[in-house]
């Protein structure tokens, strides 16, 4: 019986949720009701398996972002809102972030790859914002600062411990970042700036 990519990677994610990174290839084979040999025919090592799972988790992030950017009838806010709202069910990134320190220590190449994929989220935000006709003209410095703020904030959220301490879900935090981007910290009735004496 052929095991689909979705079955394979969802089984890996379930094992991570249940056992962390301690799961073995034998555990995965049992979960999928197949042999260890079948798993090893697909993945020669656990490192390769984790790399493939990361590819699967993020496989259409760029495609979705590019598609939304081309939908000219939507505002930047609507594009980013749709981008974020679709993800919690499609991308169970939270289960990976619970083990961020362990992955970084035991699988540094895979963690670097994961970080790069998450960076695409901030890149997508940035491109949507910069290319929106409603965005005011930004200076070169402002553009650089915007990209830096988006990247640093998204990277900070990769610290699973921070999210757990704050009792935040990754996508809730991304959603909050989006709301701050568009609505700022002031309400509609901002105080007028004094012109001095």
C-alpha atoms as a PDB file:
ATOM      1  CA  UNK A   1       0.000   0.000   0.000  1.00  0.00           C
ATOM      2  CA  UNK A   2       1.422   3.371  -1.077  1.00  0.00           C
ATOM      3  CA  UNK A   3       1.627   5.974   1.680  1.00  0.00           C
ATOM      4  CA  UNK A   4       0.833   9.527   0.544  1.00  0.00           C
ATOM      5  CA  UNK A   5       3.009  12.483   1.504  1.00  0.00           C
ATOM      6  CA  UNK A   6       0.180  13.887   3.618  1.00  0.00           C
ATOM      7  CA  UNK A   7      -0.240  10.612   5.547  1.00  0.00           C
ATOM      8  CA  UNK A   8       3.520  10.378   6.079  1.00  0.00           C
ATOM      9  CA  UNK A   9       4.070  13.922   7.322  1.00  0.00           C
ATOM     10  CA  UNK A  10       0.931  14.108   9.427  1.00  0.00           C
ATOM     11  CA  UNK A  11       2.060  10.878  11.121  1.00  0.00           C
ATOM     12  CA  UNK A  12       5.460  12.473  11.832  1.00  0.00           C
ATOM     13  CA  UNK A  13       3.774  15.578  13.274  1.00  0.00           C
ATOM     14  CA  UNK A  14       1.536  13.398  15.479  1.00  0.00           C
ATOM     15  CA  UNK A  15       4.605  11.543  16.761  1.00  0.00           C
ATOM     16  CA  UNK A  16       6.343  14.837  17.545  1.00  0.00           C
ATOM     17  CA  UNK A  17       3.236  16.009  19.429  1.00  0.00           C
ATOM     18  CA  UNK A  18       3.166  12.731  21.411  1.00  0.00           C
ATOM     19  CA  UNK A  19       6.869  12.005  21.951  1.00  0.00           C
ATOM     20  CA  UNK A  20       8.837  15.055  20.926  1.00  0.00           C
ATOM     21  CA  UNK A  21      11.891  14.286  18.815  1.00  0.00           C
ATOM     22  CA  UNK A  22      12.526  11.001  20.604  1.00  0.00           C
ATOM     23  CA  UNK A  23      10.400   9.057  18.140  1.00  0.00           C
ATOM     24  CA  UNK A  24      12.177   6.436  16.056  1.00  0.00           C
ATOM     25  CA  UNK A  25      11.782   5.187  12.501  1.00  0.00           C
ATOM     26  CA  UNK A  26      10.216   2.066  14.051  1.00  0.00           C
ATOM     27  CA  UNK A  27       7.626   4.271  15.819  1.00  0.00           C
ATOM     28  CA  UNK A  28       6.806   5.910  12.494  1.00  0.00           C
ATOM     29  CA  UNK A  29       6.479   2.551  10.760  1.00  0.00           C
ATOM     30  CA  UNK A  30       4.074   1.342  13.476  1.00  0.00           C
ATOM     31  CA  UNK A  31       2.034   4.539  13.207  1.00  0.00           C
ATOM     32  CA  UNK A  32       1.681   4.033   9.455  1.00  0.00           C
ATOM     33  CA  UNK A  33       1.109   0.258   9.723  1.00  0.00           C
ATOM     34  CA  UNK A  34       4.071  -0.425   7.496  1.00  0.00           C
ATOM     35  CA  UNK A  35       7.620  -1.782   7.798  1.00  0.00           C
ATOM     36  CA  UNK A  36      10.740   0.049   8.889  1.00  0.00           C
ATOM     37  CA  UNK A  37      12.243  -0.938   5.546  1.00  0.00           C
ATOM     38  CA  UNK A  38       9.492   1.008   3.713  1.00  0.00           C
ATOM     39  CA  UNK A  39      10.365   4.117   5.740  1.00  0.00           C
ATOM     40  CA  UNK A  40      14.090   3.727   5.049  1.00  0.00           C
ATOM     41  CA  UNK A  41      13.409   3.344   1.335  1.00  0.00           C
ATOM     42  CA  UNK A  42      11.995   6.858   1.448  1.00  0.00           C
ATOM     43  CA  UNK A  43      14.315   8.445   4.013  1.00  0.00           C
ATOM     44  CA  UNK A  44      17.863   7.291   4.645  1.00  0.00           C
ATOM     45  CA  UNK A  45      18.068   9.090   8.007  1.00  0.00           C
ATOM     46  CA  UNK A  46      16.023  10.968  10.553  1.00  0.00           C
ATOM     47  CA  UNK A  47      17.712  14.209   9.415  1.00  0.00           C
ATOM     48  CA  UNK A  48      16.440  13.634   5.877  1.00  0.00           C
ATOM     49  CA  UNK A  49      12.981  12.852   7.229  1.00  0.00           C
ATOM     50  CA  UNK A  50      12.843  16.119   9.240  1.00  0.00           C
ATOM     51  CA  UNK A  51      14.066  18.102   6.212  1.00  0.00           C
ATOM     52  CA  UNK A  52      11.336  16.587   4.055  1.00  0.00           C
ATOM     53  CA  UNK A  53       8.720  17.344   6.723  1.00  0.00           C
ATOM     54  CA  UNK A  54       9.811  21.023   6.766  1.00  0.00           C
ATOM     55  CA  UNK A  55       9.510  21.126   2.963  1.00  0.00           C
ATOM     56  CA  UNK A  56       6.016  19.693   3.279  1.00  0.00           C
ATOM     57  CA  UNK A  57       4.926  22.156   5.986  1.00  0.00           C
ATOM     58  CA  UNK A  58       5.997  25.142   3.914  1.00  0.00           C
ATOM     59  CA  UNK A  59       5.605  23.832   0.377  1.00  0.00           C
ATOM     60  CA  UNK A  60       3.049  26.359  -0.783  1.00  0.00           C
ATOM     61  CA  UNK A  61       3.787  29.386   1.415  1.00  0.00           C
ATOM     62  CA  UNK A  62       5.463  31.229  -1.456  1.00  0.00           C
ATOM     63  CA  UNK A  63       2.797  30.156  -3.959  1.00  0.00           C
ATOM     64  CA  UNK A  64       0.014  31.435  -1.669  1.00  0.00           C
ATOM     65  CA  UNK A  65       1.839  34.711  -1.061  1.00  0.00           C
ATOM     66  CA  UNK A  66       2.491  35.289  -4.779  1.00  0.00           C
ATOM     67  CA  UNK A  67      -1.126  34.459  -5.623  1.00  0.00           C
ATOM     68  CA  UNK A  68      -2.452  36.914  -3.039  1.00  0.00           C
ATOM     69  CA  UNK A  69      -0.069  39.642  -4.198  1.00  0.00           C
ATOM     70  CA  UNK A  70      -1.479  39.343  -7.712  1.00  0.00           C
ATOM     71  CA  UNK A  71      -5.098  39.786  -6.529  1.00  0.00           C
ATOM     72  CA  UNK A  72      -5.279  43.523  -7.194  1.00  0.00           C
ATOM     73  CA  UNK A  73      -8.880  43.894  -6.003  1.00  0.00           C
ATOM     74  CA  UNK A  74      -7.792  43.122  -2.411  1.00  0.00           C
ATOM     75  CA  UNK A  75      -6.217  45.658  -0.065  1.00  0.00           C
ATOM     76  CA  UNK A  76      -2.911  44.867   1.647  1.00  0.00           C
ATOM     77  CA  UNK A  77      -4.836  44.282   4.882  1.00  0.00           C
ATOM     78  CA  UNK A  78      -7.212  41.798   3.206  1.00  0.00           C
ATOM     79  CA  UNK A  79      -4.303  39.965   1.548  1.00  0.00           C
ATOM     80  CA  UNK A  80      -2.339  39.547   4.755  1.00  0.00           C
ATOM     81  CA  UNK A  81      -5.485  38.657   6.729  1.00  0.00           C
ATOM     82  CA  UNK A  82      -6.286  35.871   4.248  1.00  0.00           C
ATOM     83  CA  UNK A  83      -2.645  34.750   4.239  1.00  0.00           C
ATOM     84  CA  UNK A  84      -2.612  34.411   8.030  1.00  0.00           C
ATOM     85  CA  UNK A  85      -6.163  33.089   8.539  1.00  0.00           C
ATOM     86  CA  UNK A  86      -5.611  30.070   6.281  1.00  0.00           C
ATOM     87  CA  UNK A  87      -2.525  28.846   8.072  1.00  0.00           C
ATOM     88  CA  UNK A  88      -3.334  27.576  11.582  1.00  0.00           C
ATOM     89  CA  UNK A  89      -5.086  24.453  10.275  1.00  0.00           C
ATOM     90  CA  UNK A  90      -2.765  23.953   7.313  1.00  0.00           C
ATOM     91  CA  UNK A  91       0.559  24.525   9.004  1.00  0.00           C
ATOM     92  CA  UNK A  92       0.967  22.969  12.480  1.00  0.00           C
ATOM     93  CA  UNK A  93       4.149  24.977  13.097  1.00  0.00           C
ATOM     94  CA  UNK A  94       3.376  25.247  16.811  1.00  0.00           C
ATOM     95  CA  UNK A  95       4.232  21.601  17.458  1.00  0.00           C
ATOM     96  CA  UNK A  96       7.677  22.152  15.908  1.00  0.00           C
ATOM     97  CA  UNK A  97       8.293  25.328  17.915  1.00  0.00           C
ATOM     98  CA  UNK A  98       7.731  23.482  21.205  1.00  0.00           C
ATOM     99  CA  UNK A  99      10.972  21.671  20.437  1.00  0.00           C
ATOM    100  CA  UNK A 100      12.844  24.585  18.855  1.00  0.00           C
ATOM    101  CA  UNK A 101      15.840  24.390  21.239  1.00  0.00           C
ATOM    102  CA  UNK A 102      16.148  20.644  20.794  1.00  0.00           C
ATOM    103  CA  UNK A 103      15.892  20.838  17.003  1.00  0.00           C
ATOM    104  CA  UNK A 104      18.480  23.651  16.915  1.00  0.00           C
ATOM    105  CA  UNK A 105      20.850  21.540  19.018  1.00  0.00           C
ATOM    106  CA  UNK A 106      20.328  18.098  17.482  1.00  0.00           C
ATOM    107  CA  UNK A 107      19.454  19.040  13.890  1.00  0.00           C
ATOM    108  CA  UNK A 108      21.152  22.420  13.196  1.00  0.00           C
ATOM    109  CA  UNK A 109      20.864  22.180   9.385  1.00  0.00           C
ATOM    110  CA  UNK A 110      17.166  21.398   9.587  1.00  0.00           C
ATOM    111  CA  UNK A 111      16.611  24.219  12.095  1.00  0.00           C
ATOM    112  CA  UNK A 112      18.404  26.665   9.777  1.00  0.00           C
ATOM    113  CA  UNK A 113      16.150  25.507   6.963  1.00  0.00           C
ATOM    114  CA  UNK A 114      13.066  25.965   9.174  1.00  0.00           C
ATOM    115  CA  UNK A 115      14.180  29.519  10.067  1.00  0.00           C
ATOM    116  CA  UNK A 116      14.624  30.332   6.389  1.00  0.00           C
ATOM    117  CA  UNK A 117      11.121  29.112   5.615  1.00  0.00           C
ATOM    118  CA  UNK A 118       9.609  31.191   8.417  1.00  0.00           C
ATOM    119  CA  UNK A 119      11.534  34.218   7.080  1.00  0.00           C
ATOM    120  CA  UNK A 120       9.382  33.876   3.959  1.00  0.00           C
ATOM    121  CA  UNK A 121       6.365  34.913   6.050  1.00  0.00           C
ATOM    122  CA  UNK A 122       7.942  38.297   6.851  1.00  0.00           C
ATOM    123  CA  UNK A 123       9.131  38.636   3.235  1.00  0.00           C
ATOM    124  CA  UNK A 124       5.549  38.071   2.030  1.00  0.00           C
ATOM    125  CA  UNK A 125       4.198  40.685   4.480  1.00  0.00           C
ATOM    126  CA  UNK A 126       6.849  43.118   3.281  1.00  0.00           C
ATOM    127  CA  UNK A 127       6.187  42.607  -0.449  1.00  0.00           C
ATOM    128  CA  UNK A 128       2.420  42.920   0.014  1.00  0.00           C
ATOM    129  CA  UNK A 129       2.841  46.160   2.002  1.00  0.00           C
ATOM    130  CA  UNK A 130       5.413  47.758  -0.284  1.00  0.00           C
ATOM    131  CA  UNK A 131       3.464  47.024  -3.462  1.00  0.00           C
ATOM    132  CA  UNK A 132       0.077  48.185  -2.207  1.00  0.00           C
ATOM    133  CA  UNK A 133      -1.106  51.450  -3.828  1.00  0.00           C
ATOM    134  CA  UNK A 134      -2.454  52.633  -0.439  1.00  0.00           C
ATOM    135  CA  UNK A 135       1.001  52.403   1.167  1.00  0.00           C
ATOM    136  CA  UNK A 136       2.532  55.841   1.470  1.00  0.00           C
ATOM    137  CA  UNK A 137       5.865  56.529  -0.223  1.00  0.00           C
ATOM    138  CA  UNK A 138       8.534  55.087   2.062  1.00  0.00           C
ATOM    139  CA  UNK A 139      12.130  56.221   2.134  1.00  0.00           C
ATOM    140  CA  UNK A 140      14.929  53.699   1.611  1.00  0.00           C
ATOM    141  CA  UNK A 141      15.640  53.755   5.358  1.00  0.00           C
ATOM    142  CA  UNK A 142      11.961  53.218   6.212  1.00  0.00           C
ATOM    143  CA  UNK A 143      11.781  50.246   3.849  1.00  0.00           C
ATOM    144  CA  UNK A 144      14.883  48.718   5.422  1.00  0.00           C
ATOM    145  CA  UNK A 145      13.486  49.304   8.918  1.00  0.00           C
ATOM    146  CA  UNK A 146      10.115  47.796   7.993  1.00  0.00           C
ATOM    147  CA  UNK A 147      11.749  44.647   6.631  1.00  0.00           C
ATOM    148  CA  UNK A 148      14.064  44.426   9.661  1.00  0.00           C
ATOM    149  CA  UNK A 149      11.135  44.811  12.098  1.00  0.00           C
ATOM    150  CA  UNK A 150       9.136  42.117  10.309  1.00  0.00           C
ATOM    151  CA  UNK A 151      12.094  39.716  10.160  1.00  0.00           C
ATOM    152  CA  UNK A 152      13.158  40.269  13.776  1.00  0.00           C
ATOM    153  CA  UNK A 153       9.617  39.888  15.108  1.00  0.00           C
ATOM    154  CA  UNK A 154       8.984  36.715  13.115  1.00  0.00           C
ATOM    155  CA  UNK A 155      12.373  35.296  14.139  1.00  0.00           C
ATOM    156  CA  UNK A 156      11.634  36.070  17.812  1.00  0.00           C
ATOM    157  CA  UNK A 157       8.471  33.996  17.536  1.00  0.00           C
ATOM    158  CA  UNK A 158      10.602  30.980  16.633  1.00  0.00           C
ATOM    159  CA  UNK A 159      11.541  30.815  20.298  1.00  0.00           C
ATOM    160  CA  UNK A 160       9.004  28.246  21.414  1.00  0.00           C
ATOM    161  CA  UNK A 161       9.736  28.977  25.068  1.00  0.00           C
ATOM    162  CA  UNK A 162       8.744  32.633  24.609  1.00  0.00           C
ATOM    163  CA  UNK A 163       5.421  31.612  23.042  1.00  0.00           C
ATOM    164  CA  UNK A 164       4.738  29.120  25.842  1.00  0.00           C
ATOM    165  CA  UNK A 165       5.584  31.676  28.560  1.00  0.00           C
ATOM    166  CA  UNK A 166       3.258  34.209  26.970  1.00  0.00           C
ATOM    167  CA  UNK A 167       0.641  31.486  26.338  1.00  0.00           C
ATOM    168  CA  UNK A 168       0.606  32.448  22.679  1.00  0.00           C
ATOM    169  CA  UNK A 169       0.102  30.384  19.577  1.00  0.00           C
ATOM    170  CA  UNK A 170       2.499  31.170  16.692  1.00  0.00           C
ATOM    171  CA  UNK A 171      -0.326  32.198  14.361  1.00  0.00           C
ATOM    172  CA  UNK A 172      -2.056  34.287  17.048  1.00  0.00           C
ATOM    173  CA  UNK A 173       1.207  36.179  17.469  1.00  0.00           C
ATOM    174  CA  UNK A 174       1.546  36.672  13.688  1.00  0.00           C
ATOM    175  CA  UNK A 175      -2.056  37.906  13.615  1.00  0.00           C
ATOM    176  CA  UNK A 176      -1.289  40.395  16.414  1.00  0.00           C
ATOM    177  CA  UNK A 177       1.748  41.632  14.456  1.00  0.00           C
ATOM    178  CA  UNK A 178      -0.494  42.162  11.424  1.00  0.00           C
ATOM    179  CA  UNK A 179      -3.062  44.114  13.469  1.00  0.00           C
ATOM    180  CA  UNK A 180      -0.334  46.374  14.887  1.00  0.00           C
ATOM    181  CA  UNK A 181       1.014  46.971  11.384  1.00  0.00           C
ATOM    182  CA  UNK A 182      -2.318  48.161  10.078  1.00  0.00           C
ATOM    183  CA  UNK A 183      -3.954  49.722  13.105  1.00  0.00           C
ATOM    184  CA  UNK A 184      -0.974  50.839  15.164  1.00  0.00           C
ATOM    185  CA  UNK A 185      -1.114  51.393  18.905  1.00  0.00           C
ATOM    186  CA  UNK A 186      -3.270  54.552  18.875  1.00  0.00           C
ATOM    187  CA  UNK A 187      -7.027  54.592  18.450  1.00  0.00           C
ATOM    188  CA  UNK A 188      -8.836  56.858  16.027  1.00  0.00           C
ATOM    189  CA  UNK A 189      -8.904  59.839  18.419  1.00  0.00           C
ATOM    190  CA  UNK A 190      -5.206  60.610  18.653  1.00  0.00           C
ATOM    191  CA  UNK A 191      -4.193  63.701  20.603  1.00  0.00           C
ATOM    192  CA  UNK A 192      -3.071  66.634  18.475  1.00  0.00           C
ATOM    193  CA  UNK A 193       0.604  67.419  18.574  1.00  0.00           C
ATOM    194  CA  UNK A 194       1.268  70.718  20.292  1.00  0.00           C
ATOM    195  CA  UNK A 195       2.771  73.327  17.982  1.00  0.00           C
ATOM    196  CA  UNK A 196       4.659  74.916  20.883  1.00  0.00           C
ATOM    197  CA  UNK A 197       4.367  78.460  22.179  1.00  0.00           C
END
